[in-house]
Amino acid sequence: MEVAIVFMFLFAVIFGIFYLFYSTRNKERLALIEKGVDAKIFMAGERKKRSTLTGRVIVLNLSLLLMGIGLGVFFALLLNTYTELDEEGIYPAMIFFMGGLGLFIGFNLTKKIDDD
């Protein structure tokens, strides 16, 4: 019974967020149209260009994160095999370190893409 309540609450929160987003966006657009602002700002041409760039950035960061996690597991396995370090501490440490390094590299590459 408690699980059903949690899922209903989760659905209500997600629905509320989307409802507020779309209703606020609609009110903002109507206010801009009433003031006589050109409707070209609502066109999807520029938005499509930005969305493809955003998709590429997400894929780049996700791929670097997953590669970092894989390298973290590999390095932790090497350290565990050839040293006397504690297995319970070295695996999470290397996974988080290499995953963070991958995200940092992705951030720097994203800045270079945005500058171009």
PDB file of N, CA and C in Angstrom:
ATOM      1  N   MET A   1       0.822  -1.197   0.000  1.00  0.00           N
ATOM      2  CA  MET A   1       0.000   0.000   0.000  1.00  0.00           C
ATOM      3  C   MET A   1       0.863   1.256   0.000  1.00  0.00           C
ATOM      4  N   GLU A   2       1.958   1.228   0.783  1.00  0.00           N
ATOM      5  CA  GLU A   2       2.813   2.406   0.844  1.00  0.00           C
ATOM      6  C   GLU A   2       3.512   2.671  -0.487  1.00  0.00           C
ATOM      7  N   VAL A   3       3.821   1.593  -1.217  1.00  0.00           N
ATOM      8  CA  VAL A   3       4.486   1.748  -2.510  1.00  0.00           C
ATOM      9  C   VAL A   3       3.552   2.456  -3.486  1.00  0.00           C
ATOM     10  N   ALA A   4       2.283   2.127  -3.456  1.00  0.00           N
ATOM     11  CA  ALA A   4       1.320   2.765  -4.342  1.00  0.00           C
ATOM     12  C   ALA A   4       1.196   4.253  -4.026  1.00  0.00           C
ATOM     13  N   ILE A   5       1.236   4.604  -2.778  1.00  0.00           N
ATOM     14  CA  ILE A   5       1.156   6.018  -2.389  1.00  0.00           C
ATOM     15  C   ILE A   5       2.390   6.769  -2.866  1.00  0.00           C
ATOM     16  N   VAL A   6       3.540   6.146  -2.763  1.00  0.00           N
ATOM     17  CA  VAL A   6       4.777   6.785  -3.221  1.00  0.00           C
ATOM     18  C   VAL A   6       4.720   7.019  -4.722  1.00  0.00           C
ATOM     19  N   PHE A   7       4.271   6.017  -5.491  1.00  0.00           N
ATOM     20  CA  PHE A   7       4.195   6.188  -6.937  1.00  0.00           C
ATOM     21  C   PHE A   7       3.147   7.223  -7.338  1.00  0.00           C
ATOM     22  N   MET A   8       2.038   7.277  -6.627  1.00  0.00           N
ATOM     23  CA  MET A   8       1.039   8.299  -6.923  1.00  0.00           C
ATOM     24  C   MET A   8       1.593   9.689  -6.627  1.00  0.00           C
ATOM     25  N   PHE A   9       2.305   9.827  -5.530  1.00  0.00           N
ATOM     26  CA  PHE A   9       2.906  11.113  -5.183  1.00  0.00           C
ATOM     27  C   PHE A   9       3.970  11.504  -6.207  1.00  0.00           C
ATOM     28  N   LEU A  10       4.788  10.547  -6.634  1.00  0.00           N
ATOM     29  CA  LEU A  10       5.806  10.804  -7.641  1.00  0.00           C
ATOM     30  C   LEU A  10       5.170  11.245  -8.951  1.00  0.00           C
ATOM     31  N   PHE A  11       4.109  10.576  -9.372  1.00  0.00           N
ATOM     32  CA  PHE A  11       3.399  10.965 -10.587  1.00  0.00           C
ATOM     33  C   PHE A  11       2.819  12.364 -10.447  1.00  0.00           C
ATOM     34  N   ALA A  12       2.244  12.675  -9.298  1.00  0.00           N
ATOM     35  CA  ALA A  12       1.667  14.005  -9.085  1.00  0.00           C
ATOM     36  C   ALA A  12       2.744  15.091  -9.133  1.00  0.00           C
ATOM     37  N   VAL A  13       3.895  14.825  -8.582  1.00  0.00           N
ATOM     38  CA  VAL A  13       4.981  15.811  -8.603  1.00  0.00           C
ATOM     39  C   VAL A  13       5.467  16.032 -10.029  1.00  0.00           C
ATOM     40  N   ILE A  14       5.671  14.964 -10.772  1.00  0.00           N
ATOM     41  CA  ILE A  14       6.129  15.101 -12.159  1.00  0.00           C
ATOM     42  C   ILE A  14       5.079  15.821 -12.993  1.00  0.00           C
ATOM     43  N   PHE A  15       3.818  15.468 -12.833  1.00  0.00           N
ATOM     44  CA  PHE A  15       2.747  16.155 -13.555  1.00  0.00           C
ATOM     45  C   PHE A  15       2.711  17.638 -13.185  1.00  0.00           C
ATOM     46  N   GLY A  16       2.865  17.953 -11.905  1.00  0.00           N
ATOM     47  CA  GLY A  16       2.845  19.343 -11.466  1.00  0.00           C
ATOM     48  C   GLY A  16       3.983  20.153 -12.057  1.00  0.00           C
ATOM     49  N   ILE A  17       5.155  19.558 -12.143  1.00  0.00           N
ATOM     50  CA  ILE A  17       6.300  20.270 -12.723  1.00  0.00           C
ATOM     51  C   ILE A  17       6.043  20.569 -14.194  1.00  0.00           C
ATOM     52  N   PHE A  18       5.592  19.581 -14.950  1.00  0.00           N
ATOM     53  CA  PHE A  18       5.314  19.824 -16.361  1.00  0.00           C
ATOM     54  C   PHE A  18       4.179  20.821 -16.551  1.00  0.00           C
ATOM     55  N   TYR A  19       3.149  20.728 -15.727  1.00  0.00           N
ATOM     56  CA  TYR A  19       2.032  21.661 -15.844  1.00  0.00           C
ATOM     57  C   TYR A  19       2.490  23.090 -15.592  1.00  0.00           C
ATOM     58  N   LEU A  20       3.256  23.299 -14.534  1.00  0.00           N
ATOM     59  CA  LEU A  20       3.750  24.647 -14.248  1.00  0.00           C
ATOM     60  C   LEU A  20       4.670  25.158 -15.347  1.00  0.00           C
ATOM     61  N   PHE A  21       5.505  24.303 -15.884  1.00  0.00           N
ATOM     62  CA  PHE A  21       6.418  24.716 -16.942  1.00  0.00           C
ATOM     63  C   PHE A  21       5.649  25.178 -18.173  1.00  0.00           C
ATOM     64  N   TYR A  22       4.709  24.357 -18.636  1.00  0.00           N
ATOM     65  CA  TYR A  22       3.987  24.711 -19.862  1.00  0.00           C
ATOM     66  C   TYR A  22       3.019  25.867 -19.657  1.00  0.00           C
ATOM     67  N   SER A  23       2.375  25.939 -18.514  1.00  0.00           N
ATOM     68  CA  SER A  23       1.450  27.055 -18.306  1.00  0.00           C
ATOM     69  C   SER A  23       2.207  28.374 -18.163  1.00  0.00           C
ATOM     70  N   THR A  24       3.344  28.363 -17.497  1.00  0.00           N
ATOM     71  CA  THR A  24       4.155  29.572 -17.371  1.00  0.00           C
ATOM     72  C   THR A  24       4.713  29.995 -18.717  1.00  0.00           C
ATOM     73  N   ARG A  25       5.163  29.036 -19.512  1.00  0.00           N
ATOM     74  CA  ARG A  25       5.683  29.358 -20.839  1.00  0.00           C
ATOM     75  C   ARG A  25       4.599  29.957 -21.716  1.00  0.00           C
ATOM     76  N   ASN A  26       3.394  29.411 -21.629  1.00  0.00           N
ATOM     77  CA  ASN A  26       2.283  29.926 -22.428  1.00  0.00           C
ATOM     78  C   ASN A  26       1.935  31.357 -22.005  1.00  0.00           C
ATOM     79  N   LYS A  27       1.884  31.616 -20.707  1.00  0.00           N
ATOM     80  CA  LYS A  27       1.588  32.973 -20.234  1.00  0.00           C
ATOM     81  C   LYS A  27       2.664  33.957 -20.663  1.00  0.00           C
ATOM     82  N   GLU A  28       3.904  33.540 -20.609  1.00  0.00           N
ATOM     83  CA  GLU A  28       5.002  34.416 -21.017  1.00  0.00           C
ATOM     84  C   GLU A  28       4.913  34.737 -22.505  1.00  0.00           C
ATOM     85  N   ARG A  29       4.612  33.751 -23.313  1.00  0.00           N
ATOM     86  CA  ARG A  29       4.483  33.988 -24.754  1.00  0.00           C
ATOM     87  C   ARG A  29       3.304  34.899 -25.063  1.00  0.00           C
ATOM     88  N   LEU A  30       2.201  34.688 -24.377  1.00  0.00           N
ATOM     89  CA  LEU A  30       1.046  35.564 -24.603  1.00  0.00           C
ATOM     90  C   LEU A  30       1.352  37.001 -24.217  1.00  0.00           C
ATOM     91  N   ALA A  31       2.079  37.194 -23.127  1.00  0.00           N
ATOM     92  CA  ALA A  31       2.449  38.544 -22.714  1.00  0.00           C
ATOM     93  C   ALA A  31       3.376  39.190 -23.736  1.00  0.00           C
ATOM     94  N   LEU A  32       4.301  38.443 -24.292  1.00  0.00           N
ATOM     95  CA  LEU A  32       5.189  38.986 -25.312  1.00  0.00           C
ATOM     96  C   LEU A  32       4.432  39.343 -26.583  1.00  0.00           C
ATOM     97  N   ILE A  33       3.475  38.514 -26.962  1.00  0.00           N
ATOM     98  CA  ILE A  33       2.683  38.797 -28.163  1.00  0.00           C
ATOM     99  C   ILE A  33       1.826  40.041 -27.948  1.00  0.00           C
ATOM    100  N   GLU A  34       1.255  40.195 -26.752  1.00  0.00           N
ATOM    101  CA  GLU A  34       0.447  41.384 -26.471  1.00  0.00           C
ATOM    102  C   GLU A  34       1.276  42.661 -26.530  1.00  0.00           C
ATOM    103  N   LYS A  35       2.552  42.578 -26.197  1.00  0.00           N
ATOM    104  CA  LYS A  35       3.405  43.761 -26.247  1.00  0.00           C
ATOM    105  C   LYS A  35       3.931  44.036 -27.645  1.00  0.00           C
ATOM    106  N   GLY A  36       3.647  43.158 -28.590  1.00  0.00           N
ATOM    107  CA  GLY A  36       4.042  43.385 -29.970  1.00  0.00           C
ATOM    108  C   GLY A  36       5.418  42.869 -30.333  1.00  0.00           C
ATOM    109  N   VAL A  37       5.961  41.967 -29.570  1.00  0.00           N
ATOM    110  CA  VAL A  37       7.263  41.399 -29.890  1.00  0.00           C
ATOM    111  C   VAL A  37       7.126  40.488 -31.095  1.00  0.00           C
ATOM    112  N   ASP A  38       8.148  40.481 -31.955  1.00  0.00           N
ATOM    113  CA  ASP A  38       8.114  39.667 -33.161  1.00  0.00           C
ATOM    114  C   ASP A  38       8.017  38.186 -32.798  1.00  0.00           C
ATOM    115  N   ALA A  39       7.204  37.454 -33.526  1.00  0.00           N
ATOM    116  CA  ALA A  39       6.959  36.043 -33.215  1.00  0.00           C
ATOM    117  C   ALA A  39       8.078  35.130 -33.687  1.00  0.00           C
ATOM    118  N   LYS A  40       9.105  35.673 -34.319  1.00  0.00           N
ATOM    119  CA  LYS A  40      10.198  34.840 -34.799  1.00  0.00           C
ATOM    120  C   LYS A  40      10.985  34.202 -33.654  1.00  0.00           C
ATOM    121  N   ILE A  41      10.871  34.768 -32.470  1.00  0.00           N
ATOM    122  CA  ILE A  41      11.606  34.180 -31.345  1.00  0.00           C
ATOM    123  C   ILE A  41      11.043  32.817 -30.950  1.00  0.00           C
ATOM    124  N   PHE A  42       9.845  32.509 -31.415  1.00  0.00           N
ATOM    125  CA  PHE A  42       9.235  31.225 -31.091  1.00  0.00           C
ATOM    126  C   PHE A  42       9.499  30.170 -32.157  1.00  0.00           C
ATOM    127  N   MET A  43      10.174  30.530 -33.236  1.00  0.00           N
ATOM    128  CA  MET A  43      10.428  29.588 -34.324  1.00  0.00           C
ATOM    129  C   MET A  43      11.401  28.512 -33.868  1.00  0.00           C
ATOM    130  N   ALA A  44      11.280  27.342 -34.462  1.00  0.00           N
ATOM    131  CA  ALA A  44      12.068  26.193 -34.012  1.00  0.00           C
ATOM    132  C   ALA A  44      13.397  26.046 -34.737  1.00  0.00           C
ATOM    133  N   GLY A  45      13.723  26.889 -35.704  1.00  0.00           N
ATOM    134  CA  GLY A  45      14.958  26.741 -36.456  1.00  0.00           C
ATOM    135  C   GLY A  45      16.186  26.856 -35.577  1.00  0.00           C
ATOM    136  N   GLU A  46      16.286  27.906 -34.826  1.00  0.00           N
ATOM    137  CA  GLU A  46      17.422  28.095 -33.922  1.00  0.00           C
ATOM    138  C   GLU A  46      17.397  27.070 -32.805  1.00  0.00           C
ATOM    139  N   ARG A  47      16.204  26.716 -32.368  1.00  0.00           N
ATOM    140  CA  ARG A  47      16.066  25.751 -31.279  1.00  0.00           C
ATOM    141  C   ARG A  47      16.567  24.376 -31.707  1.00  0.00           C
ATOM    142  N   LYS A  48      16.302  24.008 -32.969  1.00  0.00           N
ATOM    143  CA  LYS A  48      16.737  22.707 -33.454  1.00  0.00           C
ATOM    144  C   LYS A  48      18.256  22.626 -33.471  1.00  0.00           C
ATOM    145  N   LYS A  49      18.906  23.693 -33.899  1.00  0.00           N
ATOM    146  CA  LYS A  49      20.369  23.723 -33.911  1.00  0.00           C
ATOM    147  C   LYS A  49      20.916  23.555 -32.500  1.00  0.00           C
ATOM    148  N   ARG A  50      20.319  24.226 -31.547  1.00  0.00           N
ATOM    149  CA  ARG A  50      20.762  24.131 -30.168  1.00  0.00           C
ATOM    150  C   ARG A  50      20.497  22.749 -29.592  1.00  0.00           C
ATOM    151  N   SER A  51      19.369  22.129 -29.942  1.00  0.00           N
ATOM    152  CA  SER A  51      19.043  20.822 -29.379  1.00  0.00           C
ATOM    153  C   SER A  51      19.985  19.747 -29.893  1.00  0.00           C
ATOM    154  N   THR A  52      20.427  19.847 -31.164  1.00  0.00           N
ATOM    155  CA  THR A  52      21.379  18.859 -31.650  1.00  0.00           C
ATOM    156  C   THR A  52      22.716  19.028 -30.953  1.00  0.00           C
ATOM    157  N   LEU A  53      23.119  20.272 -30.683  1.00  0.00           N
ATOM    158  CA  LEU A  53      24.357  20.502 -29.951  1.00  0.00           C
ATOM    159  C   LEU A  53      24.234  19.984 -28.523  1.00  0.00           C
ATOM    160  N   THR A  54      23.085  20.208 -27.903  1.00  0.00           N
ATOM    161  CA  THR A  54      22.861  19.722 -26.542  1.00  0.00           C
ATOM    162  C   THR A  54      22.903  18.195 -26.510  1.00  0.00           C
ATOM    163  N   GLY A  55      22.323  17.554 -27.502  1.00  0.00           N
ATOM    164  CA  GLY A  55      22.369  16.097 -27.574  1.00  0.00           C
ATOM    165  C   GLY A  55      23.785  15.578 -27.698  1.00  0.00           C
ATOM    166  N   ARG A  56      24.591  16.262 -28.509  1.00  0.00           N
ATOM    167  CA  ARG A  56      25.983  15.843 -28.667  1.00  0.00           C
ATOM    168  C   ARG A  56      26.758  16.008 -27.366  1.00  0.00           C
ATOM    169  N   VAL A  57      26.495  17.090 -26.663  1.00  0.00           N
ATOM    170  CA  VAL A  57      27.183  17.336 -25.395  1.00  0.00           C
ATOM    171  C   VAL A  57      26.798  16.278 -24.369  1.00  0.00           C
ATOM    172  N   ILE A  58      25.528  15.917 -24.321  1.00  0.00           N
ATOM    173  CA  ILE A  58      25.082  14.885 -23.378  1.00  0.00           C
ATOM    174  C   ILE A  58      25.732  13.549 -23.700  1.00  0.00           C
ATOM    175  N   VAL A  59      25.768  13.195 -24.977  1.00  0.00           N
ATOM    176  CA  VAL A  59      26.393  11.928 -25.372  1.00  0.00           C
ATOM    177  C   VAL A  59      27.886  11.941 -25.054  1.00  0.00           C
ATOM    178  N   LEU A  60      28.547  13.076 -25.320  1.00  0.00           N
ATOM    179  CA  LEU A  60      29.973  13.190 -25.015  1.00  0.00           C
ATOM    180  C   LEU A  60      30.237  13.019 -23.526  1.00  0.00           C
ATOM    181  N   ASN A  61      29.494  13.734 -22.700  1.00  0.00           N
ATOM    182  CA  ASN A  61      29.708  13.642 -21.251  1.00  0.00           C
ATOM    183  C   ASN A  61      29.354  12.263 -20.708  1.00  0.00           C
ATOM    184  N   LEU A  62      28.275  11.674 -21.201  1.00  0.00           N
ATOM    185  CA  LEU A  62      27.887  10.346 -20.734  1.00  0.00           C
ATOM    186  C   LEU A  62      28.921   9.301 -21.133  1.00  0.00           C
ATOM    187  N   SER A  63      29.427   9.395 -22.356  1.00  0.00           N
ATOM    188  CA  SER A  63      30.427   8.418 -22.793  1.00  0.00           C
ATOM    189  C   SER A  63      31.715   8.558 -21.995  1.00  0.00           C
ATOM    190  N   LEU A  64      32.145   9.788 -21.735  1.00  0.00           N
ATOM    191  CA  LEU A  64      33.354   9.971 -20.933  1.00  0.00           C
ATOM    192  C   LEU A  64      33.154   9.519 -19.492  1.00  0.00           C
ATOM    193  N   LEU A  65      31.958   9.726 -18.953  1.00  0.00           N
ATOM    194  CA  LEU A  65      31.669   9.246 -17.599  1.00  0.00           C
ATOM    195  C   LEU A  65      31.737   7.729 -17.539  1.00  0.00           C
ATOM    196  N   LEU A  66      31.120   7.060 -18.499  1.00  0.00           N
ATOM    197  CA  LEU A  66      31.125   5.595 -18.489  1.00  0.00           C
ATOM    198  C   LEU A  66      32.524   5.036 -18.728  1.00  0.00           C
ATOM    199  N   MET A  67      33.308   5.688 -19.598  1.00  0.00           N
ATOM    200  CA  MET A  67      34.689   5.245 -19.781  1.00  0.00           C
ATOM    201  C   MET A  67      35.502   5.445 -18.510  1.00  0.00           C
ATOM    202  N   GLY A  68      35.247   6.547 -17.820  1.00  0.00           N
ATOM    203  CA  GLY A  68      35.939   6.787 -16.558  1.00  0.00           C
ATOM    204  C   GLY A  68      35.583   5.754 -15.513  1.00  0.00           C
ATOM    205  N   ILE A  69      34.326   5.372 -15.444  1.00  0.00           N
ATOM    206  CA  ILE A  69      33.912   4.339 -14.485  1.00  0.00           C
ATOM    207  C   ILE A  69      34.573   3.010 -14.832  1.00  0.00           C
ATOM    208  N   GLY A  70      34.607   2.668 -16.115  1.00  0.00           N
ATOM    209  CA  GLY A  70      35.270   1.431 -16.533  1.00  0.00           C
ATOM    210  C   GLY A  70      36.751   1.433 -16.194  1.00  0.00           C
ATOM    211  N   LEU A  71      37.421   2.559 -16.456  1.00  0.00           N
ATOM    212  CA  LEU A  71      38.835   2.656 -16.089  1.00  0.00           C
ATOM    213  C   LEU A  71      39.028   2.599 -14.579  1.00  0.00           C
ATOM    214  N   GLY A  72      38.104   3.177 -13.833  1.00  0.00           N
ATOM    215  CA  GLY A  72      38.185   3.122 -12.379  1.00  0.00           C
ATOM    216  C   GLY A  72      38.106   1.703 -11.857  1.00  0.00           C
ATOM    217  N   VAL A  73      37.200   0.916 -12.408  1.00  0.00           N
ATOM    218  CA  VAL A  73      37.084  -0.486 -12.002  1.00  0.00           C
ATOM    219  C   VAL A  73      38.356  -1.248 -12.377  1.00  0.00           C
ATOM    220  N   PHE A  74      38.865  -0.978 -13.581  1.00  0.00           N
ATOM    221  CA  PHE A  74      40.083  -1.657 -14.031  1.00  0.00           C
ATOM    222  C   PHE A  74      41.281  -1.312 -13.148  1.00  0.00           C
ATOM    223  N   PHE A  75      41.481  -0.030 -12.867  1.00  0.00           N
ATOM    224  CA  PHE A  75      42.605   0.373 -12.018  1.00  0.00           C
ATOM    225  C   PHE A  75      42.445  -0.144 -10.589  1.00  0.00           C
ATOM    226  N   ALA A  76      41.215  -0.180 -10.104  1.00  0.00           N
ATOM    227  CA  ALA A  76      40.991  -0.720  -8.760  1.00  0.00           C
ATOM    228  C   ALA A  76      41.320  -2.208  -8.723  1.00  0.00           C
ATOM    229  N   LEU A  77      40.971  -2.919  -9.790  1.00  0.00           N
ATOM    230  CA  LEU A  77      41.315  -4.336  -9.861  1.00  0.00           C
ATOM    231  C   LEU A  77      42.827  -4.525  -9.880  1.00  0.00           C
ATOM    232  N   LEU A  78      43.534  -3.694 -10.649  1.00  0.00           N
ATOM    233  CA  LEU A  78      44.995  -3.778 -10.672  1.00  0.00           C
ATOM    234  C   LEU A  78      45.593  -3.475  -9.298  1.00  0.00           C
ATOM    235  N   LEU A  79      45.110  -2.425  -8.658  1.00  0.00           N
ATOM    236  CA  LEU A  79      45.626  -2.075  -7.336  1.00  0.00           C
ATOM    237  C   LEU A  79      45.316  -3.154  -6.304  1.00  0.00           C
ATOM    238  N   ASN A  80      44.136  -3.732  -6.412  1.00  0.00           N
ATOM    239  CA  ASN A  80      43.749  -4.787  -5.474  1.00  0.00           C
ATOM    240  C   ASN A  80      44.602  -6.041  -5.678  1.00  0.00           C
ATOM    241  N   THR A  81      44.944  -6.331  -6.934  1.00  0.00           N
ATOM    242  CA  THR A  81      45.715  -7.536  -7.235  1.00  0.00           C
ATOM    243  C   THR A  81      47.172  -7.397  -6.813  1.00  0.00           C
ATOM    244  N   TYR A  82      47.782  -6.253  -7.096  1.00  0.00           N
ATOM    245  CA  TYR A  82      49.225  -6.113  -6.914  1.00  0.00           C
ATOM    246  C   TYR A  82      49.635  -5.372  -5.646  1.00  0.00           C
ATOM    247  N   THR A  83      48.696  -4.900  -4.860  1.00  0.00           N
ATOM    248  CA  THR A  83      49.035  -4.238  -3.610  1.00  0.00           C
ATOM    249  C   THR A  83      48.198  -4.835  -2.490  1.00  0.00           C
ATOM    250  N   GLU A  84      48.471  -4.386  -1.301  1.00  0.00           N
ATOM    251  CA  GLU A  84      47.734  -4.860  -0.128  1.00  0.00           C
ATOM    252  C   GLU A  84      46.681  -3.850   0.312  1.00  0.00           C
ATOM    253  N   LEU A  85      46.209  -3.003  -0.594  1.00  0.00           N
ATOM    254  CA  LEU A  85      45.191  -2.009  -0.251  1.00  0.00           C
ATOM    255  C   LEU A  85      43.859  -2.685   0.012  1.00  0.00           C
ATOM    256  N   ASP A  86      43.032  -2.047   0.818  1.00  0.00           N
ATOM    257  CA  ASP A  86      41.734  -2.596   1.200  1.00  0.00           C
ATOM    258  C   ASP A  86      40.779  -2.570   0.013  1.00  0.00           C
ATOM    259  N   GLU A  87      40.184  -3.708  -0.282  1.00  0.00           N
ATOM    260  CA  GLU A  87      39.283  -3.831  -1.431  1.00  0.00           C
ATOM    261  C   GLU A  87      38.022  -2.978  -1.267  1.00  0.00           C
ATOM    262  N   GLU A  88      37.527  -2.877  -0.035  1.00  0.00           N
ATOM    263  CA  GLU A  88      36.290  -2.129   0.193  1.00  0.00           C
ATOM    264  C   GLU A  88      36.461  -0.634  -0.012  1.00  0.00           C
ATOM    265  N   GLY A  89      37.674  -0.141   0.110  1.00  0.00           N
ATOM    266  CA  GLY A  89      37.891   1.286  -0.046  1.00  0.00           C
ATOM    267  C   GLY A  89      38.408   1.683  -1.405  1.00  0.00           C
ATOM    268  N   ILE A  90      39.162   0.787  -2.045  1.00  0.00           N
ATOM    269  CA  ILE A  90      39.817   1.173  -3.294  1.00  0.00           C
ATOM    270  C   ILE A  90      38.844   1.196  -4.471  1.00  0.00           C
ATOM    271  N   TYR A  91      37.869   0.298  -4.500  1.00  0.00           N
ATOM    272  CA  TYR A  91      36.932   0.272  -5.627  1.00  0.00           C
ATOM    273  C   TYR A  91      36.086   1.551  -5.704  1.00  0.00           C
ATOM    274  N   PRO A  92      35.397   1.947  -4.642  1.00  0.00           N
ATOM    275  CA  PRO A  92      34.625   3.200  -4.753  1.00  0.00           C
ATOM    276  C   PRO A  92      35.505   4.413  -5.007  1.00  0.00           C
ATOM    277  N   ALA A  93      36.698   4.435  -4.394  1.00  0.00           N
ATOM    278  CA  ALA A  93      37.580   5.585  -4.570  1.00  0.00           C
ATOM    279  C   ALA A  93      38.012   5.721  -6.026  1.00  0.00           C
ATOM    280  N   MET A  94      38.412   4.641  -6.642  1.00  0.00           N
ATOM    281  CA  MET A  94      38.864   4.705  -8.030  1.00  0.00           C
ATOM    282  C   MET A  94      37.706   4.959  -8.991  1.00  0.00           C
ATOM    283  N   ILE A  95      36.549   4.385  -8.709  1.00  0.00           N
ATOM    284  CA  ILE A  95      35.393   4.613  -9.584  1.00  0.00           C
ATOM    285  C   ILE A  95      34.993   6.084  -9.553  1.00  0.00           C
ATOM    286  N   PHE A  96      34.893   6.656  -8.368  1.00  0.00           N
ATOM    287  CA  PHE A  96      34.511   8.068  -8.281  1.00  0.00           C
ATOM    288  C   PHE A  96      35.593   8.987  -8.834  1.00  0.00           C
ATOM    289  N   PHE A  97      36.852   8.651  -8.580  1.00  0.00           N
ATOM    290  CA  PHE A  97      37.939   9.493  -9.075  1.00  0.00           C
ATOM    291  C   PHE A  97      37.973   9.494 -10.602  1.00  0.00           C
ATOM    292  N   MET A  98      37.927   8.327 -11.205  1.00  0.00           N
ATOM    293  CA  MET A  98      38.017   8.251 -12.664  1.00  0.00           C
ATOM    294  C   MET A  98      36.731   8.758 -13.328  1.00  0.00           C
ATOM    295  N   GLY A  99      35.579   8.532 -12.697  1.00  0.00           N
ATOM    296  CA  GLY A  99      34.340   9.094 -13.235  1.00  0.00           C
ATOM    297  C   GLY A  99      34.359  10.613 -13.191  1.00  0.00           C
ATOM    298  N   GLY A 100      34.842  11.174 -12.087  1.00  0.00           N
ATOM    299  CA  GLY A 100      34.970  12.627 -11.984  1.00  0.00           C
ATOM    300  C   GLY A 100      35.969  13.176 -12.976  1.00  0.00           C
ATOM    301  N   LEU A 101      37.059  12.463 -13.200  1.00  0.00           N
ATOM    302  CA  LEU A 101      38.044  12.887 -14.193  1.00  0.00           C
ATOM    303  C   LEU A 101      37.435  12.884 -15.593  1.00  0.00           C
ATOM    304  N   GLY A 102      36.628  11.870 -15.891  1.00  0.00           N
ATOM    305  CA  GLY A 102      35.947  11.826 -17.184  1.00  0.00           C
ATOM    306  C   GLY A 102      34.984  12.987 -17.357  1.00  0.00           C
ATOM    307  N   LEU A 103      34.241  13.334 -16.304  1.00  0.00           N
ATOM    308  CA  LEU A 103      33.328  14.475 -16.386  1.00  0.00           C
ATOM    309  C   LEU A 103      34.082  15.790 -16.517  1.00  0.00           C
ATOM    310  N   PHE A 104      35.235  15.903 -15.868  1.00  0.00           N
ATOM    311  CA  PHE A 104      36.047  17.110 -15.987  1.00  0.00           C
ATOM    312  C   PHE A 104      36.573  17.266 -17.413  1.00  0.00           C
ATOM    313  N   ILE A 105      37.021  16.176 -18.009  1.00  0.00           N
ATOM    314  CA  ILE A 105      37.474  16.222 -19.400  1.00  0.00           C
ATOM    315  C   ILE A 105      36.306  16.570 -20.318  1.00  0.00           C
ATOM    316  N   GLY A 106      35.126  16.008 -20.048  1.00  0.00           N
ATOM    317  CA  GLY A 106      33.941  16.330 -20.835  1.00  0.00           C
ATOM    318  C   GLY A 106      33.561  17.791 -20.712  1.00  0.00           C
ATOM    319  N   PHE A 107      33.702  18.357 -19.524  1.00  0.00           N
ATOM    320  CA  PHE A 107      33.410  19.778 -19.326  1.00  0.00           C
ATOM    321  C   PHE A 107      34.346  20.642 -20.159  1.00  0.00           C
ATOM    322  N   ASN A 108      35.632  20.305 -20.151  1.00  0.00           N
ATOM    323  CA  ASN A 108      36.590  21.082 -20.931  1.00  0.00           C
ATOM    324  C   ASN A 108      36.337  20.939 -22.435  1.00  0.00           C
ATOM    325  N   LEU A 109      35.990  19.741 -22.892  1.00  0.00           N
ATOM    326  CA  LEU A 109      35.672  19.560 -24.308  1.00  0.00           C
ATOM    327  C   LEU A 109      34.393  20.297 -24.693  1.00  0.00           C
ATOM    328  N   THR A 110      33.423  20.344 -23.789  1.00  0.00           N
ATOM    329  CA  THR A 110      32.183  21.076 -24.049  1.00  0.00           C
ATOM    330  C   THR A 110      32.443  22.567 -24.176  1.00  0.00           C
ATOM    331  N   LYS A 111      33.349  23.093 -23.349  1.00  0.00           N
ATOM    332  CA  LYS A 111      33.702  24.510 -23.477  1.00  0.00           C
ATOM    333  C   LYS A 111      34.332  24.789 -24.834  1.00  0.00           C
ATOM    334  N   LYS A 112      35.170  23.878 -25.313  1.00  0.00           N
ATOM    335  CA  LYS A 112      35.789  24.054 -26.625  1.00  0.00           C
ATOM    336  C   LYS A 112      34.737  23.993 -27.743  1.00  0.00           C
ATOM    337  N   ILE A 113      33.753  23.124 -27.609  1.00  0.00           N
ATOM    338  CA  ILE A 113      32.689  23.028 -28.615  1.00  0.00           C
ATOM    339  C   ILE A 113      31.856  24.298 -28.616  1.00  0.00           C
ATOM    340  N   ASP A 114      31.538  24.830 -27.449  1.00  0.00           N
ATOM    341  CA  ASP A 114      30.735  26.057 -27.360  1.00  0.00           C
ATOM    342  C   ASP A 114      31.477  27.267 -27.907  1.00  0.00           C
ATOM    343  N   ASP A 115      32.804  27.298 -27.775  1.00  0.00           N
ATOM    344  CA  ASP A 115      33.583  28.421 -28.278  1.00  0.00           C
ATOM    345  C   ASP A 115      33.630  28.442 -29.797  1.00  0.00           C
ATOM    346  N   ASP A 116      33.509  27.277 -30.435  1.00  0.00           N
ATOM    347  CA  ASP A 116      33.567  27.222 -31.908  1.00  0.00           C
ATOM    348  C   ASP A 116      32.345  27.740 -32.543  1.00  0.00           C
TER     349      ASP A 116
END
